[in-house]
Amino acid sequence: MSAQTTKIPAPDQAPLTKSQAAPLSGLTGIDAGQLTGLSVAEISSKFRWRIDPDLLFFRRICAKVVKRQPGQSVDARDAEALPRTRLFQPKR
């Protein structure tokens, strides 16, 4: 038996999807169609003087959705975690 391995591209080499390109388009004024399908490395090179480099940095955002019970402290560590919840970044 041979184990199948899936090759995952480096984060800066993965192509942007339409939903990823839309917020970047809104921040930069560059049409989302021009950004869709390009990797962050390609975007950085192609639009070097038109896009603020800080917009292309990667950040890890971790969060847990919790529910506080009445009379419970404000500390999120004491709150009950809600399963199968997702966080969405609000539209600007």
PDB file of N, CA and C in Angstrom:
ATOM      1  N   MET A   1       0.820  -1.178   0.000  1.00  0.00           N
ATOM      2  CA  MET A   1       0.000   0.000   0.000  1.00  0.00           C
ATOM      3  C   MET A   1       0.866   1.246   0.000  1.00  0.00           C
ATOM      4  N   SER A   2       0.437   2.219  -0.730  1.00  0.00           N
ATOM      5  CA  SER A   2       1.168   3.479  -0.729  1.00  0.00           C
ATOM      6  C   SER A   2       0.284   4.561  -0.132  1.00  0.00           C
ATOM      7  N   ALA A   3       0.874   5.352   0.688  1.00  0.00           N
ATOM      8  CA  ALA A   3       0.132   6.443   1.321  1.00  0.00           C
ATOM      9  C   ALA A   3       0.047   7.616   0.359  1.00  0.00           C
ATOM     10  N   GLN A   4      -1.143   8.127   0.183  1.00  0.00           N
ATOM     11  CA  GLN A   4      -1.302   9.290  -0.674  1.00  0.00           C
ATOM     12  C   GLN A   4      -1.012  10.534   0.143  1.00  0.00           C
ATOM     13  N   THR A   5      -0.234  11.411  -0.436  1.00  0.00           N
ATOM     14  CA  THR A   5       0.065  12.663   0.237  1.00  0.00           C
ATOM     15  C   THR A   5      -0.528  13.803  -0.584  1.00  0.00           C
ATOM     16  N   THR A   6      -1.104  14.738   0.111  1.00  0.00           N
ATOM     17  CA  THR A   6      -1.663  15.907  -0.537  1.00  0.00           C
ATOM     18  C   THR A   6      -0.675  17.040  -0.367  1.00  0.00           C
ATOM     19  N   LYS A   7      -0.280  17.621  -1.472  1.00  0.00           N
ATOM     20  CA  LYS A   7       0.666  18.718  -1.409  1.00  0.00           C
ATOM     21  C   LYS A   7      -0.098  20.017  -1.210  1.00  0.00           C
ATOM     22  N   ILE A   8       0.129  20.659  -0.080  1.00  0.00           N
ATOM     23  CA  ILE A   8      -0.519  21.920   0.245  1.00  0.00           C
ATOM     24  C   ILE A   8       0.461  23.040  -0.079  1.00  0.00           C
ATOM     25  N   PRO A   9       0.031  23.994  -0.895  1.00  0.00           N
ATOM     26  CA  PRO A   9       0.957  25.074  -1.250  1.00  0.00           C
ATOM     27  C   PRO A   9       1.259  25.973  -0.056  1.00  0.00           C
ATOM     28  N   ALA A  10       2.387  26.627  -0.092  1.00  0.00           N
ATOM     29  CA  ALA A  10       2.726  27.609   0.933  1.00  0.00           C
ATOM     30  C   ALA A  10       1.649  28.697   0.909  1.00  0.00           C
ATOM     31  N   PRO A  11       1.360  29.317   2.042  1.00  0.00           N
ATOM     32  CA  PRO A  11       0.281  30.313   2.084  1.00  0.00           C
ATOM     33  C   PRO A  11       0.406  31.422   1.041  1.00  0.00           C
ATOM     34  N   ASP A  12       1.630  31.844   0.757  1.00  0.00           N
ATOM     35  CA  ASP A  12       1.777  32.925  -0.215  1.00  0.00           C
ATOM     36  C   ASP A  12       1.713  32.434  -1.663  1.00  0.00           C
ATOM     37  N   GLN A  13       1.605  31.122  -1.860  1.00  0.00           N
ATOM     38  CA  GLN A  13       1.516  30.560  -3.212  1.00  0.00           C
ATOM     39  C   GLN A  13       0.108  30.091  -3.572  1.00  0.00           C
ATOM     40  N   ALA A  14      -0.803  30.065  -2.604  1.00  0.00           N
ATOM     41  CA  ALA A  14      -2.179  29.628  -2.864  1.00  0.00           C
ATOM     42  C   ALA A  14      -2.934  30.727  -3.609  1.00  0.00           C
ATOM     43  N   PRO A  15      -3.703  30.373  -4.634  1.00  0.00           N
ATOM     44  CA  PRO A  15      -4.440  31.397  -5.389  1.00  0.00           C
ATOM     45  C   PRO A  15      -5.607  31.966  -4.570  1.00  0.00           C
ATOM     46  N   LEU A  16      -5.855  33.262  -4.719  1.00  0.00           N
ATOM     47  CA  LEU A  16      -6.965  33.917  -4.041  1.00  0.00           C
ATOM     48  C   LEU A  16      -8.285  33.522  -4.683  1.00  0.00           C
ATOM     49  N   THR A  17      -9.279  33.292  -3.858  1.00  0.00           N
ATOM     50  CA  THR A  17     -10.627  33.010  -4.346  1.00  0.00           C
ATOM     51  C   THR A  17     -11.364  34.335  -4.533  1.00  0.00           C
ATOM     52  N   LYS A  18     -12.550  34.274  -5.130  1.00  0.00           N
ATOM     53  CA  LYS A  18     -13.352  35.489  -5.315  1.00  0.00           C
ATOM     54  C   LYS A  18     -13.673  36.137  -3.981  1.00  0.00           C
ATOM     55  N   SER A  19     -14.031  35.318  -2.987  1.00  0.00           N
ATOM     56  CA  SER A  19     -14.399  35.869  -1.680  1.00  0.00           C
ATOM     57  C   SER A  19     -13.199  36.453  -0.940  1.00  0.00           C
ATOM     58  N   GLN A  20     -12.003  35.990  -1.226  1.00  0.00           N
ATOM     59  CA  GLN A  20     -10.798  36.562  -0.617  1.00  0.00           C
ATOM     60  C   GLN A  20     -10.371  37.824  -1.355  1.00  0.00           C
ATOM     61  N   ALA A  21     -10.590  37.859  -2.662  1.00  0.00           N
ATOM     62  CA  ALA A  21     -10.176  39.003  -3.464  1.00  0.00           C
ATOM     63  C   ALA A  21     -11.075  40.217  -3.242  1.00  0.00           C
ATOM     64  N   ALA A  22     -12.353  39.990  -2.918  1.00  0.00           N
ATOM     65  CA  ALA A  22     -13.300  41.099  -2.764  1.00  0.00           C
ATOM     66  C   ALA A  22     -12.893  42.099  -1.677  1.00  0.00           C
ATOM     67  N   PRO A  23     -12.555  41.661  -0.437  1.00  0.00           N
ATOM     68  CA  PRO A  23     -12.144  42.646   0.576  1.00  0.00           C
ATOM     69  C   PRO A  23     -10.858  43.374   0.195  1.00  0.00           C
ATOM     70  N   LEU A  24      -9.908  42.662  -0.400  1.00  0.00           N
ATOM     71  CA  LEU A  24      -8.662  43.291  -0.824  1.00  0.00           C
ATOM     72  C   LEU A  24      -8.938  44.323  -1.906  1.00  0.00           C
ATOM     73  N   SER A  25      -9.863  44.011  -2.791  1.00  0.00           N
ATOM     74  CA  SER A  25     -10.266  44.950  -3.832  1.00  0.00           C
ATOM     75  C   SER A  25     -10.865  46.211  -3.218  1.00  0.00           C
ATOM     76  N   GLY A  26     -11.707  46.031  -2.207  1.00  0.00           N
ATOM     77  CA  GLY A  26     -12.321  47.176  -1.548  1.00  0.00           C
ATOM     78  C   GLY A  26     -11.317  48.077  -0.855  1.00  0.00           C
ATOM     79  N   LEU A  27     -10.253  47.489  -0.336  1.00  0.00           N
ATOM     80  CA  LEU A  27      -9.229  48.271   0.358  1.00  0.00           C
ATOM     81  C   LEU A  27      -8.246  48.949  -0.593  1.00  0.00           C
ATOM     82  N   THR A  28      -8.075  48.372  -1.768  1.00  0.00           N
ATOM     83  CA  THR A  28      -7.037  48.872  -2.676  1.00  0.00           C
ATOM     84  C   THR A  28      -7.572  49.607  -3.901  1.00  0.00           C
ATOM     85  N   GLY A  29      -8.832  49.370  -4.254  1.00  0.00           N
ATOM     86  CA  GLY A  29      -9.380  49.977  -5.462  1.00  0.00           C
ATOM     87  C   GLY A  29      -9.039  49.208  -6.728  1.00  0.00           C
ATOM     88  N   ILE A  30      -8.364  48.076  -6.592  1.00  0.00           N
ATOM     89  CA  ILE A  30      -8.027  47.233  -7.740  1.00  0.00           C
ATOM     90  C   ILE A  30      -9.178  46.253  -7.939  1.00  0.00           C
ATOM     91  N   ASP A  31      -9.617  46.094  -9.174  1.00  0.00           N
ATOM     92  CA  ASP A  31     -10.738  45.215  -9.480  1.00  0.00           C
ATOM     93  C   ASP A  31     -10.463  43.800  -8.966  1.00  0.00           C
ATOM     94  N   ALA A  32     -11.469  43.214  -8.314  1.00  0.00           N
ATOM     95  CA  ALA A  32     -11.330  41.871  -7.743  1.00  0.00           C
ATOM     96  C   ALA A  32     -11.015  40.842  -8.820  1.00  0.00           C
ATOM     97  N   GLY A  33     -11.503  41.056 -10.032  1.00  0.00           N
ATOM     98  CA  GLY A  33     -11.218  40.143 -11.132  1.00  0.00           C
ATOM     99  C   GLY A  33      -9.737  40.060 -11.464  1.00  0.00           C
ATOM    100  N   GLN A  34      -9.021  41.153 -11.240  1.00  0.00           N
ATOM    101  CA  GLN A  34      -7.578  41.154 -11.484  1.00  0.00           C
ATOM    102  C   GLN A  34      -6.819  40.408 -10.391  1.00  0.00           C
ATOM    103  N   LEU A  35      -7.424  40.297  -9.211  1.00  0.00           N
ATOM    104  CA  LEU A  35      -6.756  39.652  -8.082  1.00  0.00           C
ATOM    105  C   LEU A  35      -7.098  38.167  -7.961  1.00  0.00           C
ATOM    106  N   THR A  36      -8.311  37.799  -8.386  1.00  0.00           N
ATOM    107  CA  THR A  36      -8.767  36.417  -8.267  1.00  0.00           C
ATOM    108  C   THR A  36      -7.876  35.480  -9.070  1.00  0.00           C
ATOM    109  N   GLY A  37      -7.469  34.400  -8.432  1.00  0.00           N
ATOM    110  CA  GLY A  37      -6.634  33.403  -9.098  1.00  0.00           C
ATOM    111  C   GLY A  37      -5.143  33.646  -8.952  1.00  0.00           C
ATOM    112  N   LEU A  38      -4.745  34.843  -8.538  1.00  0.00           N
ATOM    113  CA  LEU A  38      -3.328  35.131  -8.328  1.00  0.00           C
ATOM    114  C   LEU A  38      -2.944  34.778  -6.900  1.00  0.00           C
ATOM    115  N   SER A  39      -1.704  34.376  -6.703  1.00  0.00           N
ATOM    116  CA  SER A  39      -1.216  34.123  -5.349  1.00  0.00           C
ATOM    117  C   SER A  39      -0.795  35.451  -4.719  1.00  0.00           C
ATOM    118  N   VAL A  40      -0.623  35.461  -3.405  1.00  0.00           N
ATOM    119  CA  VAL A  40      -0.181  36.665  -2.711  1.00  0.00           C
ATOM    120  C   VAL A  40       1.192  37.090  -3.237  1.00  0.00           C
ATOM    121  N   ALA A  41       2.044  36.125  -3.531  1.00  0.00           N
ATOM    122  CA  ALA A  41       3.370  36.447  -4.075  1.00  0.00           C
ATOM    123  C   ALA A  41       3.240  37.144  -5.431  1.00  0.00           C
ATOM    124  N   GLU A  42       2.335  36.651  -6.277  1.00  0.00           N
ATOM    125  CA  GLU A  42       2.123  37.277  -7.590  1.00  0.00           C
ATOM    126  C   GLU A  42       1.515  38.667  -7.447  1.00  0.00           C
ATOM    127  N   ILE A  43       0.569  38.803  -6.536  1.00  0.00           N
ATOM    128  CA  ILE A  43      -0.054  40.112  -6.303  1.00  0.00           C
ATOM    129  C   ILE A  43       0.978  41.102  -5.796  1.00  0.00           C
ATOM    130  N   SER A  44       1.814  40.657  -4.873  1.00  0.00           N
ATOM    131  CA  SER A  44       2.858  41.516  -4.324  1.00  0.00           C
ATOM    132  C   SER A  44       3.798  42.002  -5.410  1.00  0.00           C
ATOM    133  N   SER A  45       4.138  41.132  -6.320  1.00  0.00           N
ATOM    134  CA  SER A  45       5.041  41.495  -7.408  1.00  0.00           C
ATOM    135  C   SER A  45       4.354  42.379  -8.448  1.00  0.00           C
ATOM    136  N   LYS A  46       3.167  41.987  -8.869  1.00  0.00           N
ATOM    137  CA  LYS A  46       2.457  42.689  -9.943  1.00  0.00           C
ATOM    138  C   LYS A  46       1.961  44.080  -9.532  1.00  0.00           C
ATOM    139  N   PHE A  47       1.501  44.199  -8.290  1.00  0.00           N
ATOM    140  CA  PHE A  47       0.932  45.467  -7.821  1.00  0.00           C
ATOM    141  C   PHE A  47       1.797  46.096  -6.731  1.00  0.00           C
ATOM    142  N   ARG A  48       3.093  45.931  -6.834  1.00  0.00           N
ATOM    143  CA  ARG A  48       4.040  46.356  -5.798  1.00  0.00           C
ATOM    144  C   ARG A  48       3.814  47.789  -5.324  1.00  0.00           C
ATOM    145  N   TRP A  49       3.623  48.730  -6.199  1.00  0.00           N
ATOM    146  CA  TRP A  49       3.522  50.134  -5.808  1.00  0.00           C
ATOM    147  C   TRP A  49       2.074  50.595  -5.651  1.00  0.00           C
ATOM    148  N   ARG A  50       1.117  49.697  -5.828  1.00  0.00           N
ATOM    149  CA  ARG A  50      -0.298  50.068  -5.714  1.00  0.00           C
ATOM    150  C   ARG A  50      -0.970  49.500  -4.466  1.00  0.00           C
ATOM    151  N   ILE A  51      -0.363  48.498  -3.842  1.00  0.00           N
ATOM    152  CA  ILE A  51      -0.944  47.867  -2.657  1.00  0.00           C
ATOM    153  C   ILE A  51       0.017  48.025  -1.486  1.00  0.00           C
ATOM    154  N   ASP A  52      -0.531  48.474  -0.361  1.00  0.00           N
ATOM    155  CA  ASP A  52       0.246  48.578   0.871  1.00  0.00           C
ATOM    156  C   ASP A  52       0.701  47.174   1.267  1.00  0.00           C
ATOM    157  N   PRO A  53       2.002  46.947   1.438  1.00  0.00           N
ATOM    158  CA  PRO A  53       2.499  45.604   1.772  1.00  0.00           C
ATOM    159  C   PRO A  53       1.884  45.034   3.055  1.00  0.00           C
ATOM    160  N   ASP A  54       1.485  45.896   3.983  1.00  0.00           N
ATOM    161  CA  ASP A  54       0.870  45.413   5.226  1.00  0.00           C
ATOM    162  C   ASP A  54      -0.422  44.643   4.963  1.00  0.00           C
ATOM    163  N   LEU A  55      -1.110  44.943   3.862  1.00  0.00           N
ATOM    164  CA  LEU A  55      -2.354  44.249   3.536  1.00  0.00           C
ATOM    165  C   LEU A  55      -2.109  42.806   3.101  1.00  0.00           C
ATOM    166  N   LEU A  56      -0.873  42.489   2.752  1.00  0.00           N
ATOM    167  CA  LEU A  56      -0.564  41.147   2.255  1.00  0.00           C
ATOM    168  C   LEU A  56       0.083  40.250   3.304  1.00  0.00           C
ATOM    169  N   PHE A  57       0.260  40.774   4.524  1.00  0.00           N
ATOM    170  CA  PHE A  57       0.815  39.946   5.594  1.00  0.00           C
ATOM    171  C   PHE A  57      -0.230  38.966   6.088  1.00  0.00           C
ATOM    172  N   PHE A  58       0.211  37.868   6.633  1.00  0.00           N
ATOM    173  CA  PHE A  58      -0.682  36.843   7.169  1.00  0.00           C
ATOM    174  C   PHE A  58      -0.791  37.004   8.679  1.00  0.00           C
ATOM    175  N   ARG A  59      -2.017  36.809   9.178  1.00  0.00           N
ATOM    176  CA  ARG A  59      -2.245  36.839  10.619  1.00  0.00           C
ATOM    177  C   ARG A  59      -3.056  35.613  10.985  1.00  0.00           C
ATOM    178  N   ARG A  60      -2.761  35.048  12.119  1.00  0.00           N
ATOM    179  CA  ARG A  60      -3.561  33.932  12.622  1.00  0.00           C
ATOM    180  C   ARG A  60      -4.557  34.516  13.617  1.00  0.00           C
ATOM    181  N   ILE A  61      -5.816  34.246  13.350  1.00  0.00           N
ATOM    182  CA  ILE A  61      -6.868  34.741  14.224  1.00  0.00           C
ATOM    183  C   ILE A  61      -7.573  33.536  14.825  1.00  0.00           C
ATOM    184  N   CYS A  62      -7.556  33.459  16.125  1.00  0.00           N
ATOM    185  CA  CYS A  62      -8.205  32.348  16.816  1.00  0.00           C
ATOM    186  C   CYS A  62      -9.288  32.916  17.726  1.00  0.00           C
ATOM    187  N   ALA A  63     -10.415  32.253  17.738  1.00  0.00           N
ATOM    188  CA  ALA A  63     -11.494  32.701  18.610  1.00  0.00           C
ATOM    189  C   ALA A  63     -12.386  31.525  18.953  1.00  0.00           C
ATOM    190  N   LYS A  64     -13.063  31.648  20.049  1.00  0.00           N
ATOM    191  CA  LYS A  64     -14.013  30.635  20.473  1.00  0.00           C
ATOM    192  C   LYS A  64     -15.300  31.365  20.811  1.00  0.00           C
ATOM    193  N   VAL A  65     -16.405  30.902  20.268  1.00  0.00           N
ATOM    194  CA  VAL A  65     -17.698  31.502  20.569  1.00  0.00           C
ATOM    195  C   VAL A  65     -18.190  30.892  21.868  1.00  0.00           C
ATOM    196  N   VAL A  66     -18.545  31.756  22.811  1.00  0.00           N
ATOM    197  CA  VAL A  66     -18.971  31.272  24.119  1.00  0.00           C
ATOM    198  C   VAL A  66     -20.305  31.888  24.504  1.00  0.00           C
ATOM    199  N   LYS A  67     -20.959  31.238  25.433  1.00  0.00           N
ATOM    200  CA  LYS A  67     -22.242  31.706  25.953  1.00  0.00           C
ATOM    201  C   LYS A  67     -22.095  31.881  27.456  1.00  0.00           C
ATOM    202  N   ARG A  68     -22.383  33.089  27.920  1.00  0.00           N
ATOM    203  CA  ARG A  68     -22.311  33.339  29.357  1.00  0.00           C
ATOM    204  C   ARG A  68     -23.647  33.021  30.002  1.00  0.00           C
ATOM    205  N   GLN A  69     -23.577  32.457  31.171  1.00  0.00           N
ATOM    206  CA  GLN A  69     -24.772  32.182  31.954  1.00  0.00           C
ATOM    207  C   GLN A  69     -25.047  33.395  32.846  1.00  0.00           C
ATOM    208  N   PRO A  70     -26.305  33.666  33.163  1.00  0.00           N
ATOM    209  CA  PRO A  70     -26.619  34.796  34.057  1.00  0.00           C
ATOM    210  C   PRO A  70     -25.847  34.669  35.376  1.00  0.00           C
ATOM    211  N   GLY A  71     -25.284  35.765  35.791  1.00  0.00           N
ATOM    212  CA  GLY A  71     -24.534  35.775  37.041  1.00  0.00           C
ATOM    213  C   GLY A  71     -23.110  35.279  36.908  1.00  0.00           C
ATOM    214  N   GLN A  72     -22.696  34.932  35.700  1.00  0.00           N
ATOM    215  CA  GLN A  72     -21.353  34.410  35.472  1.00  0.00           C
ATOM    216  C   GLN A  72     -20.370  35.559  35.296  1.00  0.00           C
ATOM    217  N   SER A  73     -19.116  35.307  35.609  1.00  0.00           N
ATOM    218  CA  SER A  73     -18.095  36.338  35.448  1.00  0.00           C
ATOM    219  C   SER A  73     -17.919  36.684  33.970  1.00  0.00           C
ATOM    220  N   VAL A  74     -17.248  37.784  33.733  1.00  0.00           N
ATOM    221  CA  VAL A  74     -17.015  38.244  32.363  1.00  0.00           C
ATOM    222  C   VAL A  74     -15.909  37.430  31.691  1.00  0.00           C
ATOM    223  N   ASP A  75     -15.127  36.729  32.453  1.00  0.00           N
ATOM    224  CA  ASP A  75     -14.003  35.955  31.920  1.00  0.00           C
ATOM    225  C   ASP A  75     -14.500  34.852  30.978  1.00  0.00           C
ATOM    226  N   ALA A  76     -14.036  34.875  29.743  1.00  0.00           N
ATOM    227  CA  ALA A  76     -14.484  33.908  28.731  1.00  0.00           C
ATOM    228  C   ALA A  76     -14.063  32.481  29.079  1.00  0.00           C
ATOM    229  N   ARG A  77     -13.038  32.326  29.909  1.00  0.00           N
ATOM    230  CA  ARG A  77     -12.615  30.975  30.280  1.00  0.00           C
ATOM    231  C   ARG A  77     -13.674  30.261  31.103  1.00  0.00           C
ATOM    232  N   ASP A  78     -14.541  31.045  31.759  1.00  0.00           N
ATOM    233  CA  ASP A  78     -15.598  30.458  32.572  1.00  0.00           C
ATOM    234  C   ASP A  78     -16.863  30.181  31.768  1.00  0.00           C
ATOM    235  N   ALA A  79     -16.898  30.631  30.529  1.00  0.00           N
ATOM    236  CA  ALA A  79     -18.119  30.531  29.728  1.00  0.00           C
ATOM    237  C   ALA A  79     -18.198  29.180  29.029  1.00  0.00           C
ATOM    238  N   GLU A  80     -19.402  28.812  28.651  1.00  0.00           N
ATOM    239  CA  GLU A  80     -19.657  27.550  27.964  1.00  0.00           C
ATOM    240  C   GLU A  80     -19.389  27.719  26.470  1.00  0.00           C
ATOM    241  N   ALA A  81     -18.532  26.878  25.918  1.00  0.00           N
ATOM    242  CA  ALA A  81     -18.225  26.950  24.485  1.00  0.00           C
ATOM    243  C   ALA A  81     -19.415  26.433  23.686  1.00  0.00           C
ATOM    244  N   LEU A  82     -19.721  27.123  22.594  1.00  0.00           N
ATOM    245  CA  LEU A  82     -20.825  26.715  21.731  1.00  0.00           C
ATOM    246  C   LEU A  82     -20.271  25.895  20.564  1.00  0.00           C
ATOM    247  N   PRO A  83     -20.711  24.652  20.416  1.00  0.00           N
ATOM    248  CA  PRO A  83     -20.189  23.812  19.337  1.00  0.00           C
ATOM    249  C   PRO A  83     -20.721  24.247  17.977  1.00  0.00           C
ATOM    250  N   ARG A  84     -19.965  23.923  16.936  1.00  0.00           N
ATOM    251  CA  ARG A  84     -20.357  24.167  15.548  1.00  0.00           C
ATOM    252  C   ARG A  84     -20.734  25.618  15.271  1.00  0.00           C
ATOM    253  N   THR A  85     -19.951  26.545  15.791  1.00  0.00           N
ATOM    254  CA  THR A  85     -20.190  27.957  15.521  1.00  0.00           C
ATOM    255  C   THR A  85     -19.047  28.494  14.685  1.00  0.00           C
ATOM    256  N   ARG A  86     -19.354  29.472  13.856  1.00  0.00           N
ATOM    257  CA  ARG A  86     -18.348  30.069  12.988  1.00  0.00           C
ATOM    258  C   ARG A  86     -18.358  31.586  13.183  1.00  0.00           C
ATOM    259  N   LEU A  87     -17.208  32.181  13.038  1.00  0.00           N
ATOM    260  CA  LEU A  87     -17.079  33.627  13.120  1.00  0.00           C
ATOM    261  C   LEU A  87     -16.874  34.174  11.719  1.00  0.00           C
ATOM    262  N   PHE A  88     -17.526  35.250  11.431  1.00  0.00           N
ATOM    263  CA  PHE A  88     -17.369  35.888  10.140  1.00  0.00           C
ATOM    264  C   PHE A  88     -16.907  37.330  10.375  1.00  0.00           C
ATOM    265  N   GLN A  89     -16.002  37.772   9.525  1.00  0.00           N
ATOM    266  CA  GLN A  89     -15.534  39.145   9.603  1.00  0.00           C
ATOM    267  C   GLN A  89     -16.625  40.032   8.995  1.00  0.00           C
ATOM    268  N   PRO A  90     -17.022  41.079   9.710  1.00  0.00           N
ATOM    269  CA  PRO A  90     -18.078  41.944   9.174  1.00  0.00           C
ATOM    270  C   PRO A  90     -17.621  42.674   7.917  1.00  0.00           C
ATOM    271  N   LYS A  91     -18.566  42.947   7.036  1.00  0.00           N
ATOM    272  CA  LYS A  91     -18.252  43.708   5.831  1.00  0.00           C
ATOM    273  C   LYS A  91     -18.018  45.154   6.210  1.00  0.00           C
ATOM    274  N   ARG A  92     -17.114  45.782   5.512  1.00  0.00           N
ATOM    275  CA  ARG A  92     -16.803  47.195   5.815  1.00  0.00           C
ATOM    276  C   ARG A  92     -17.477  48.087   4.823  1.00  0.00           C
TER     277      ARG A  92
END
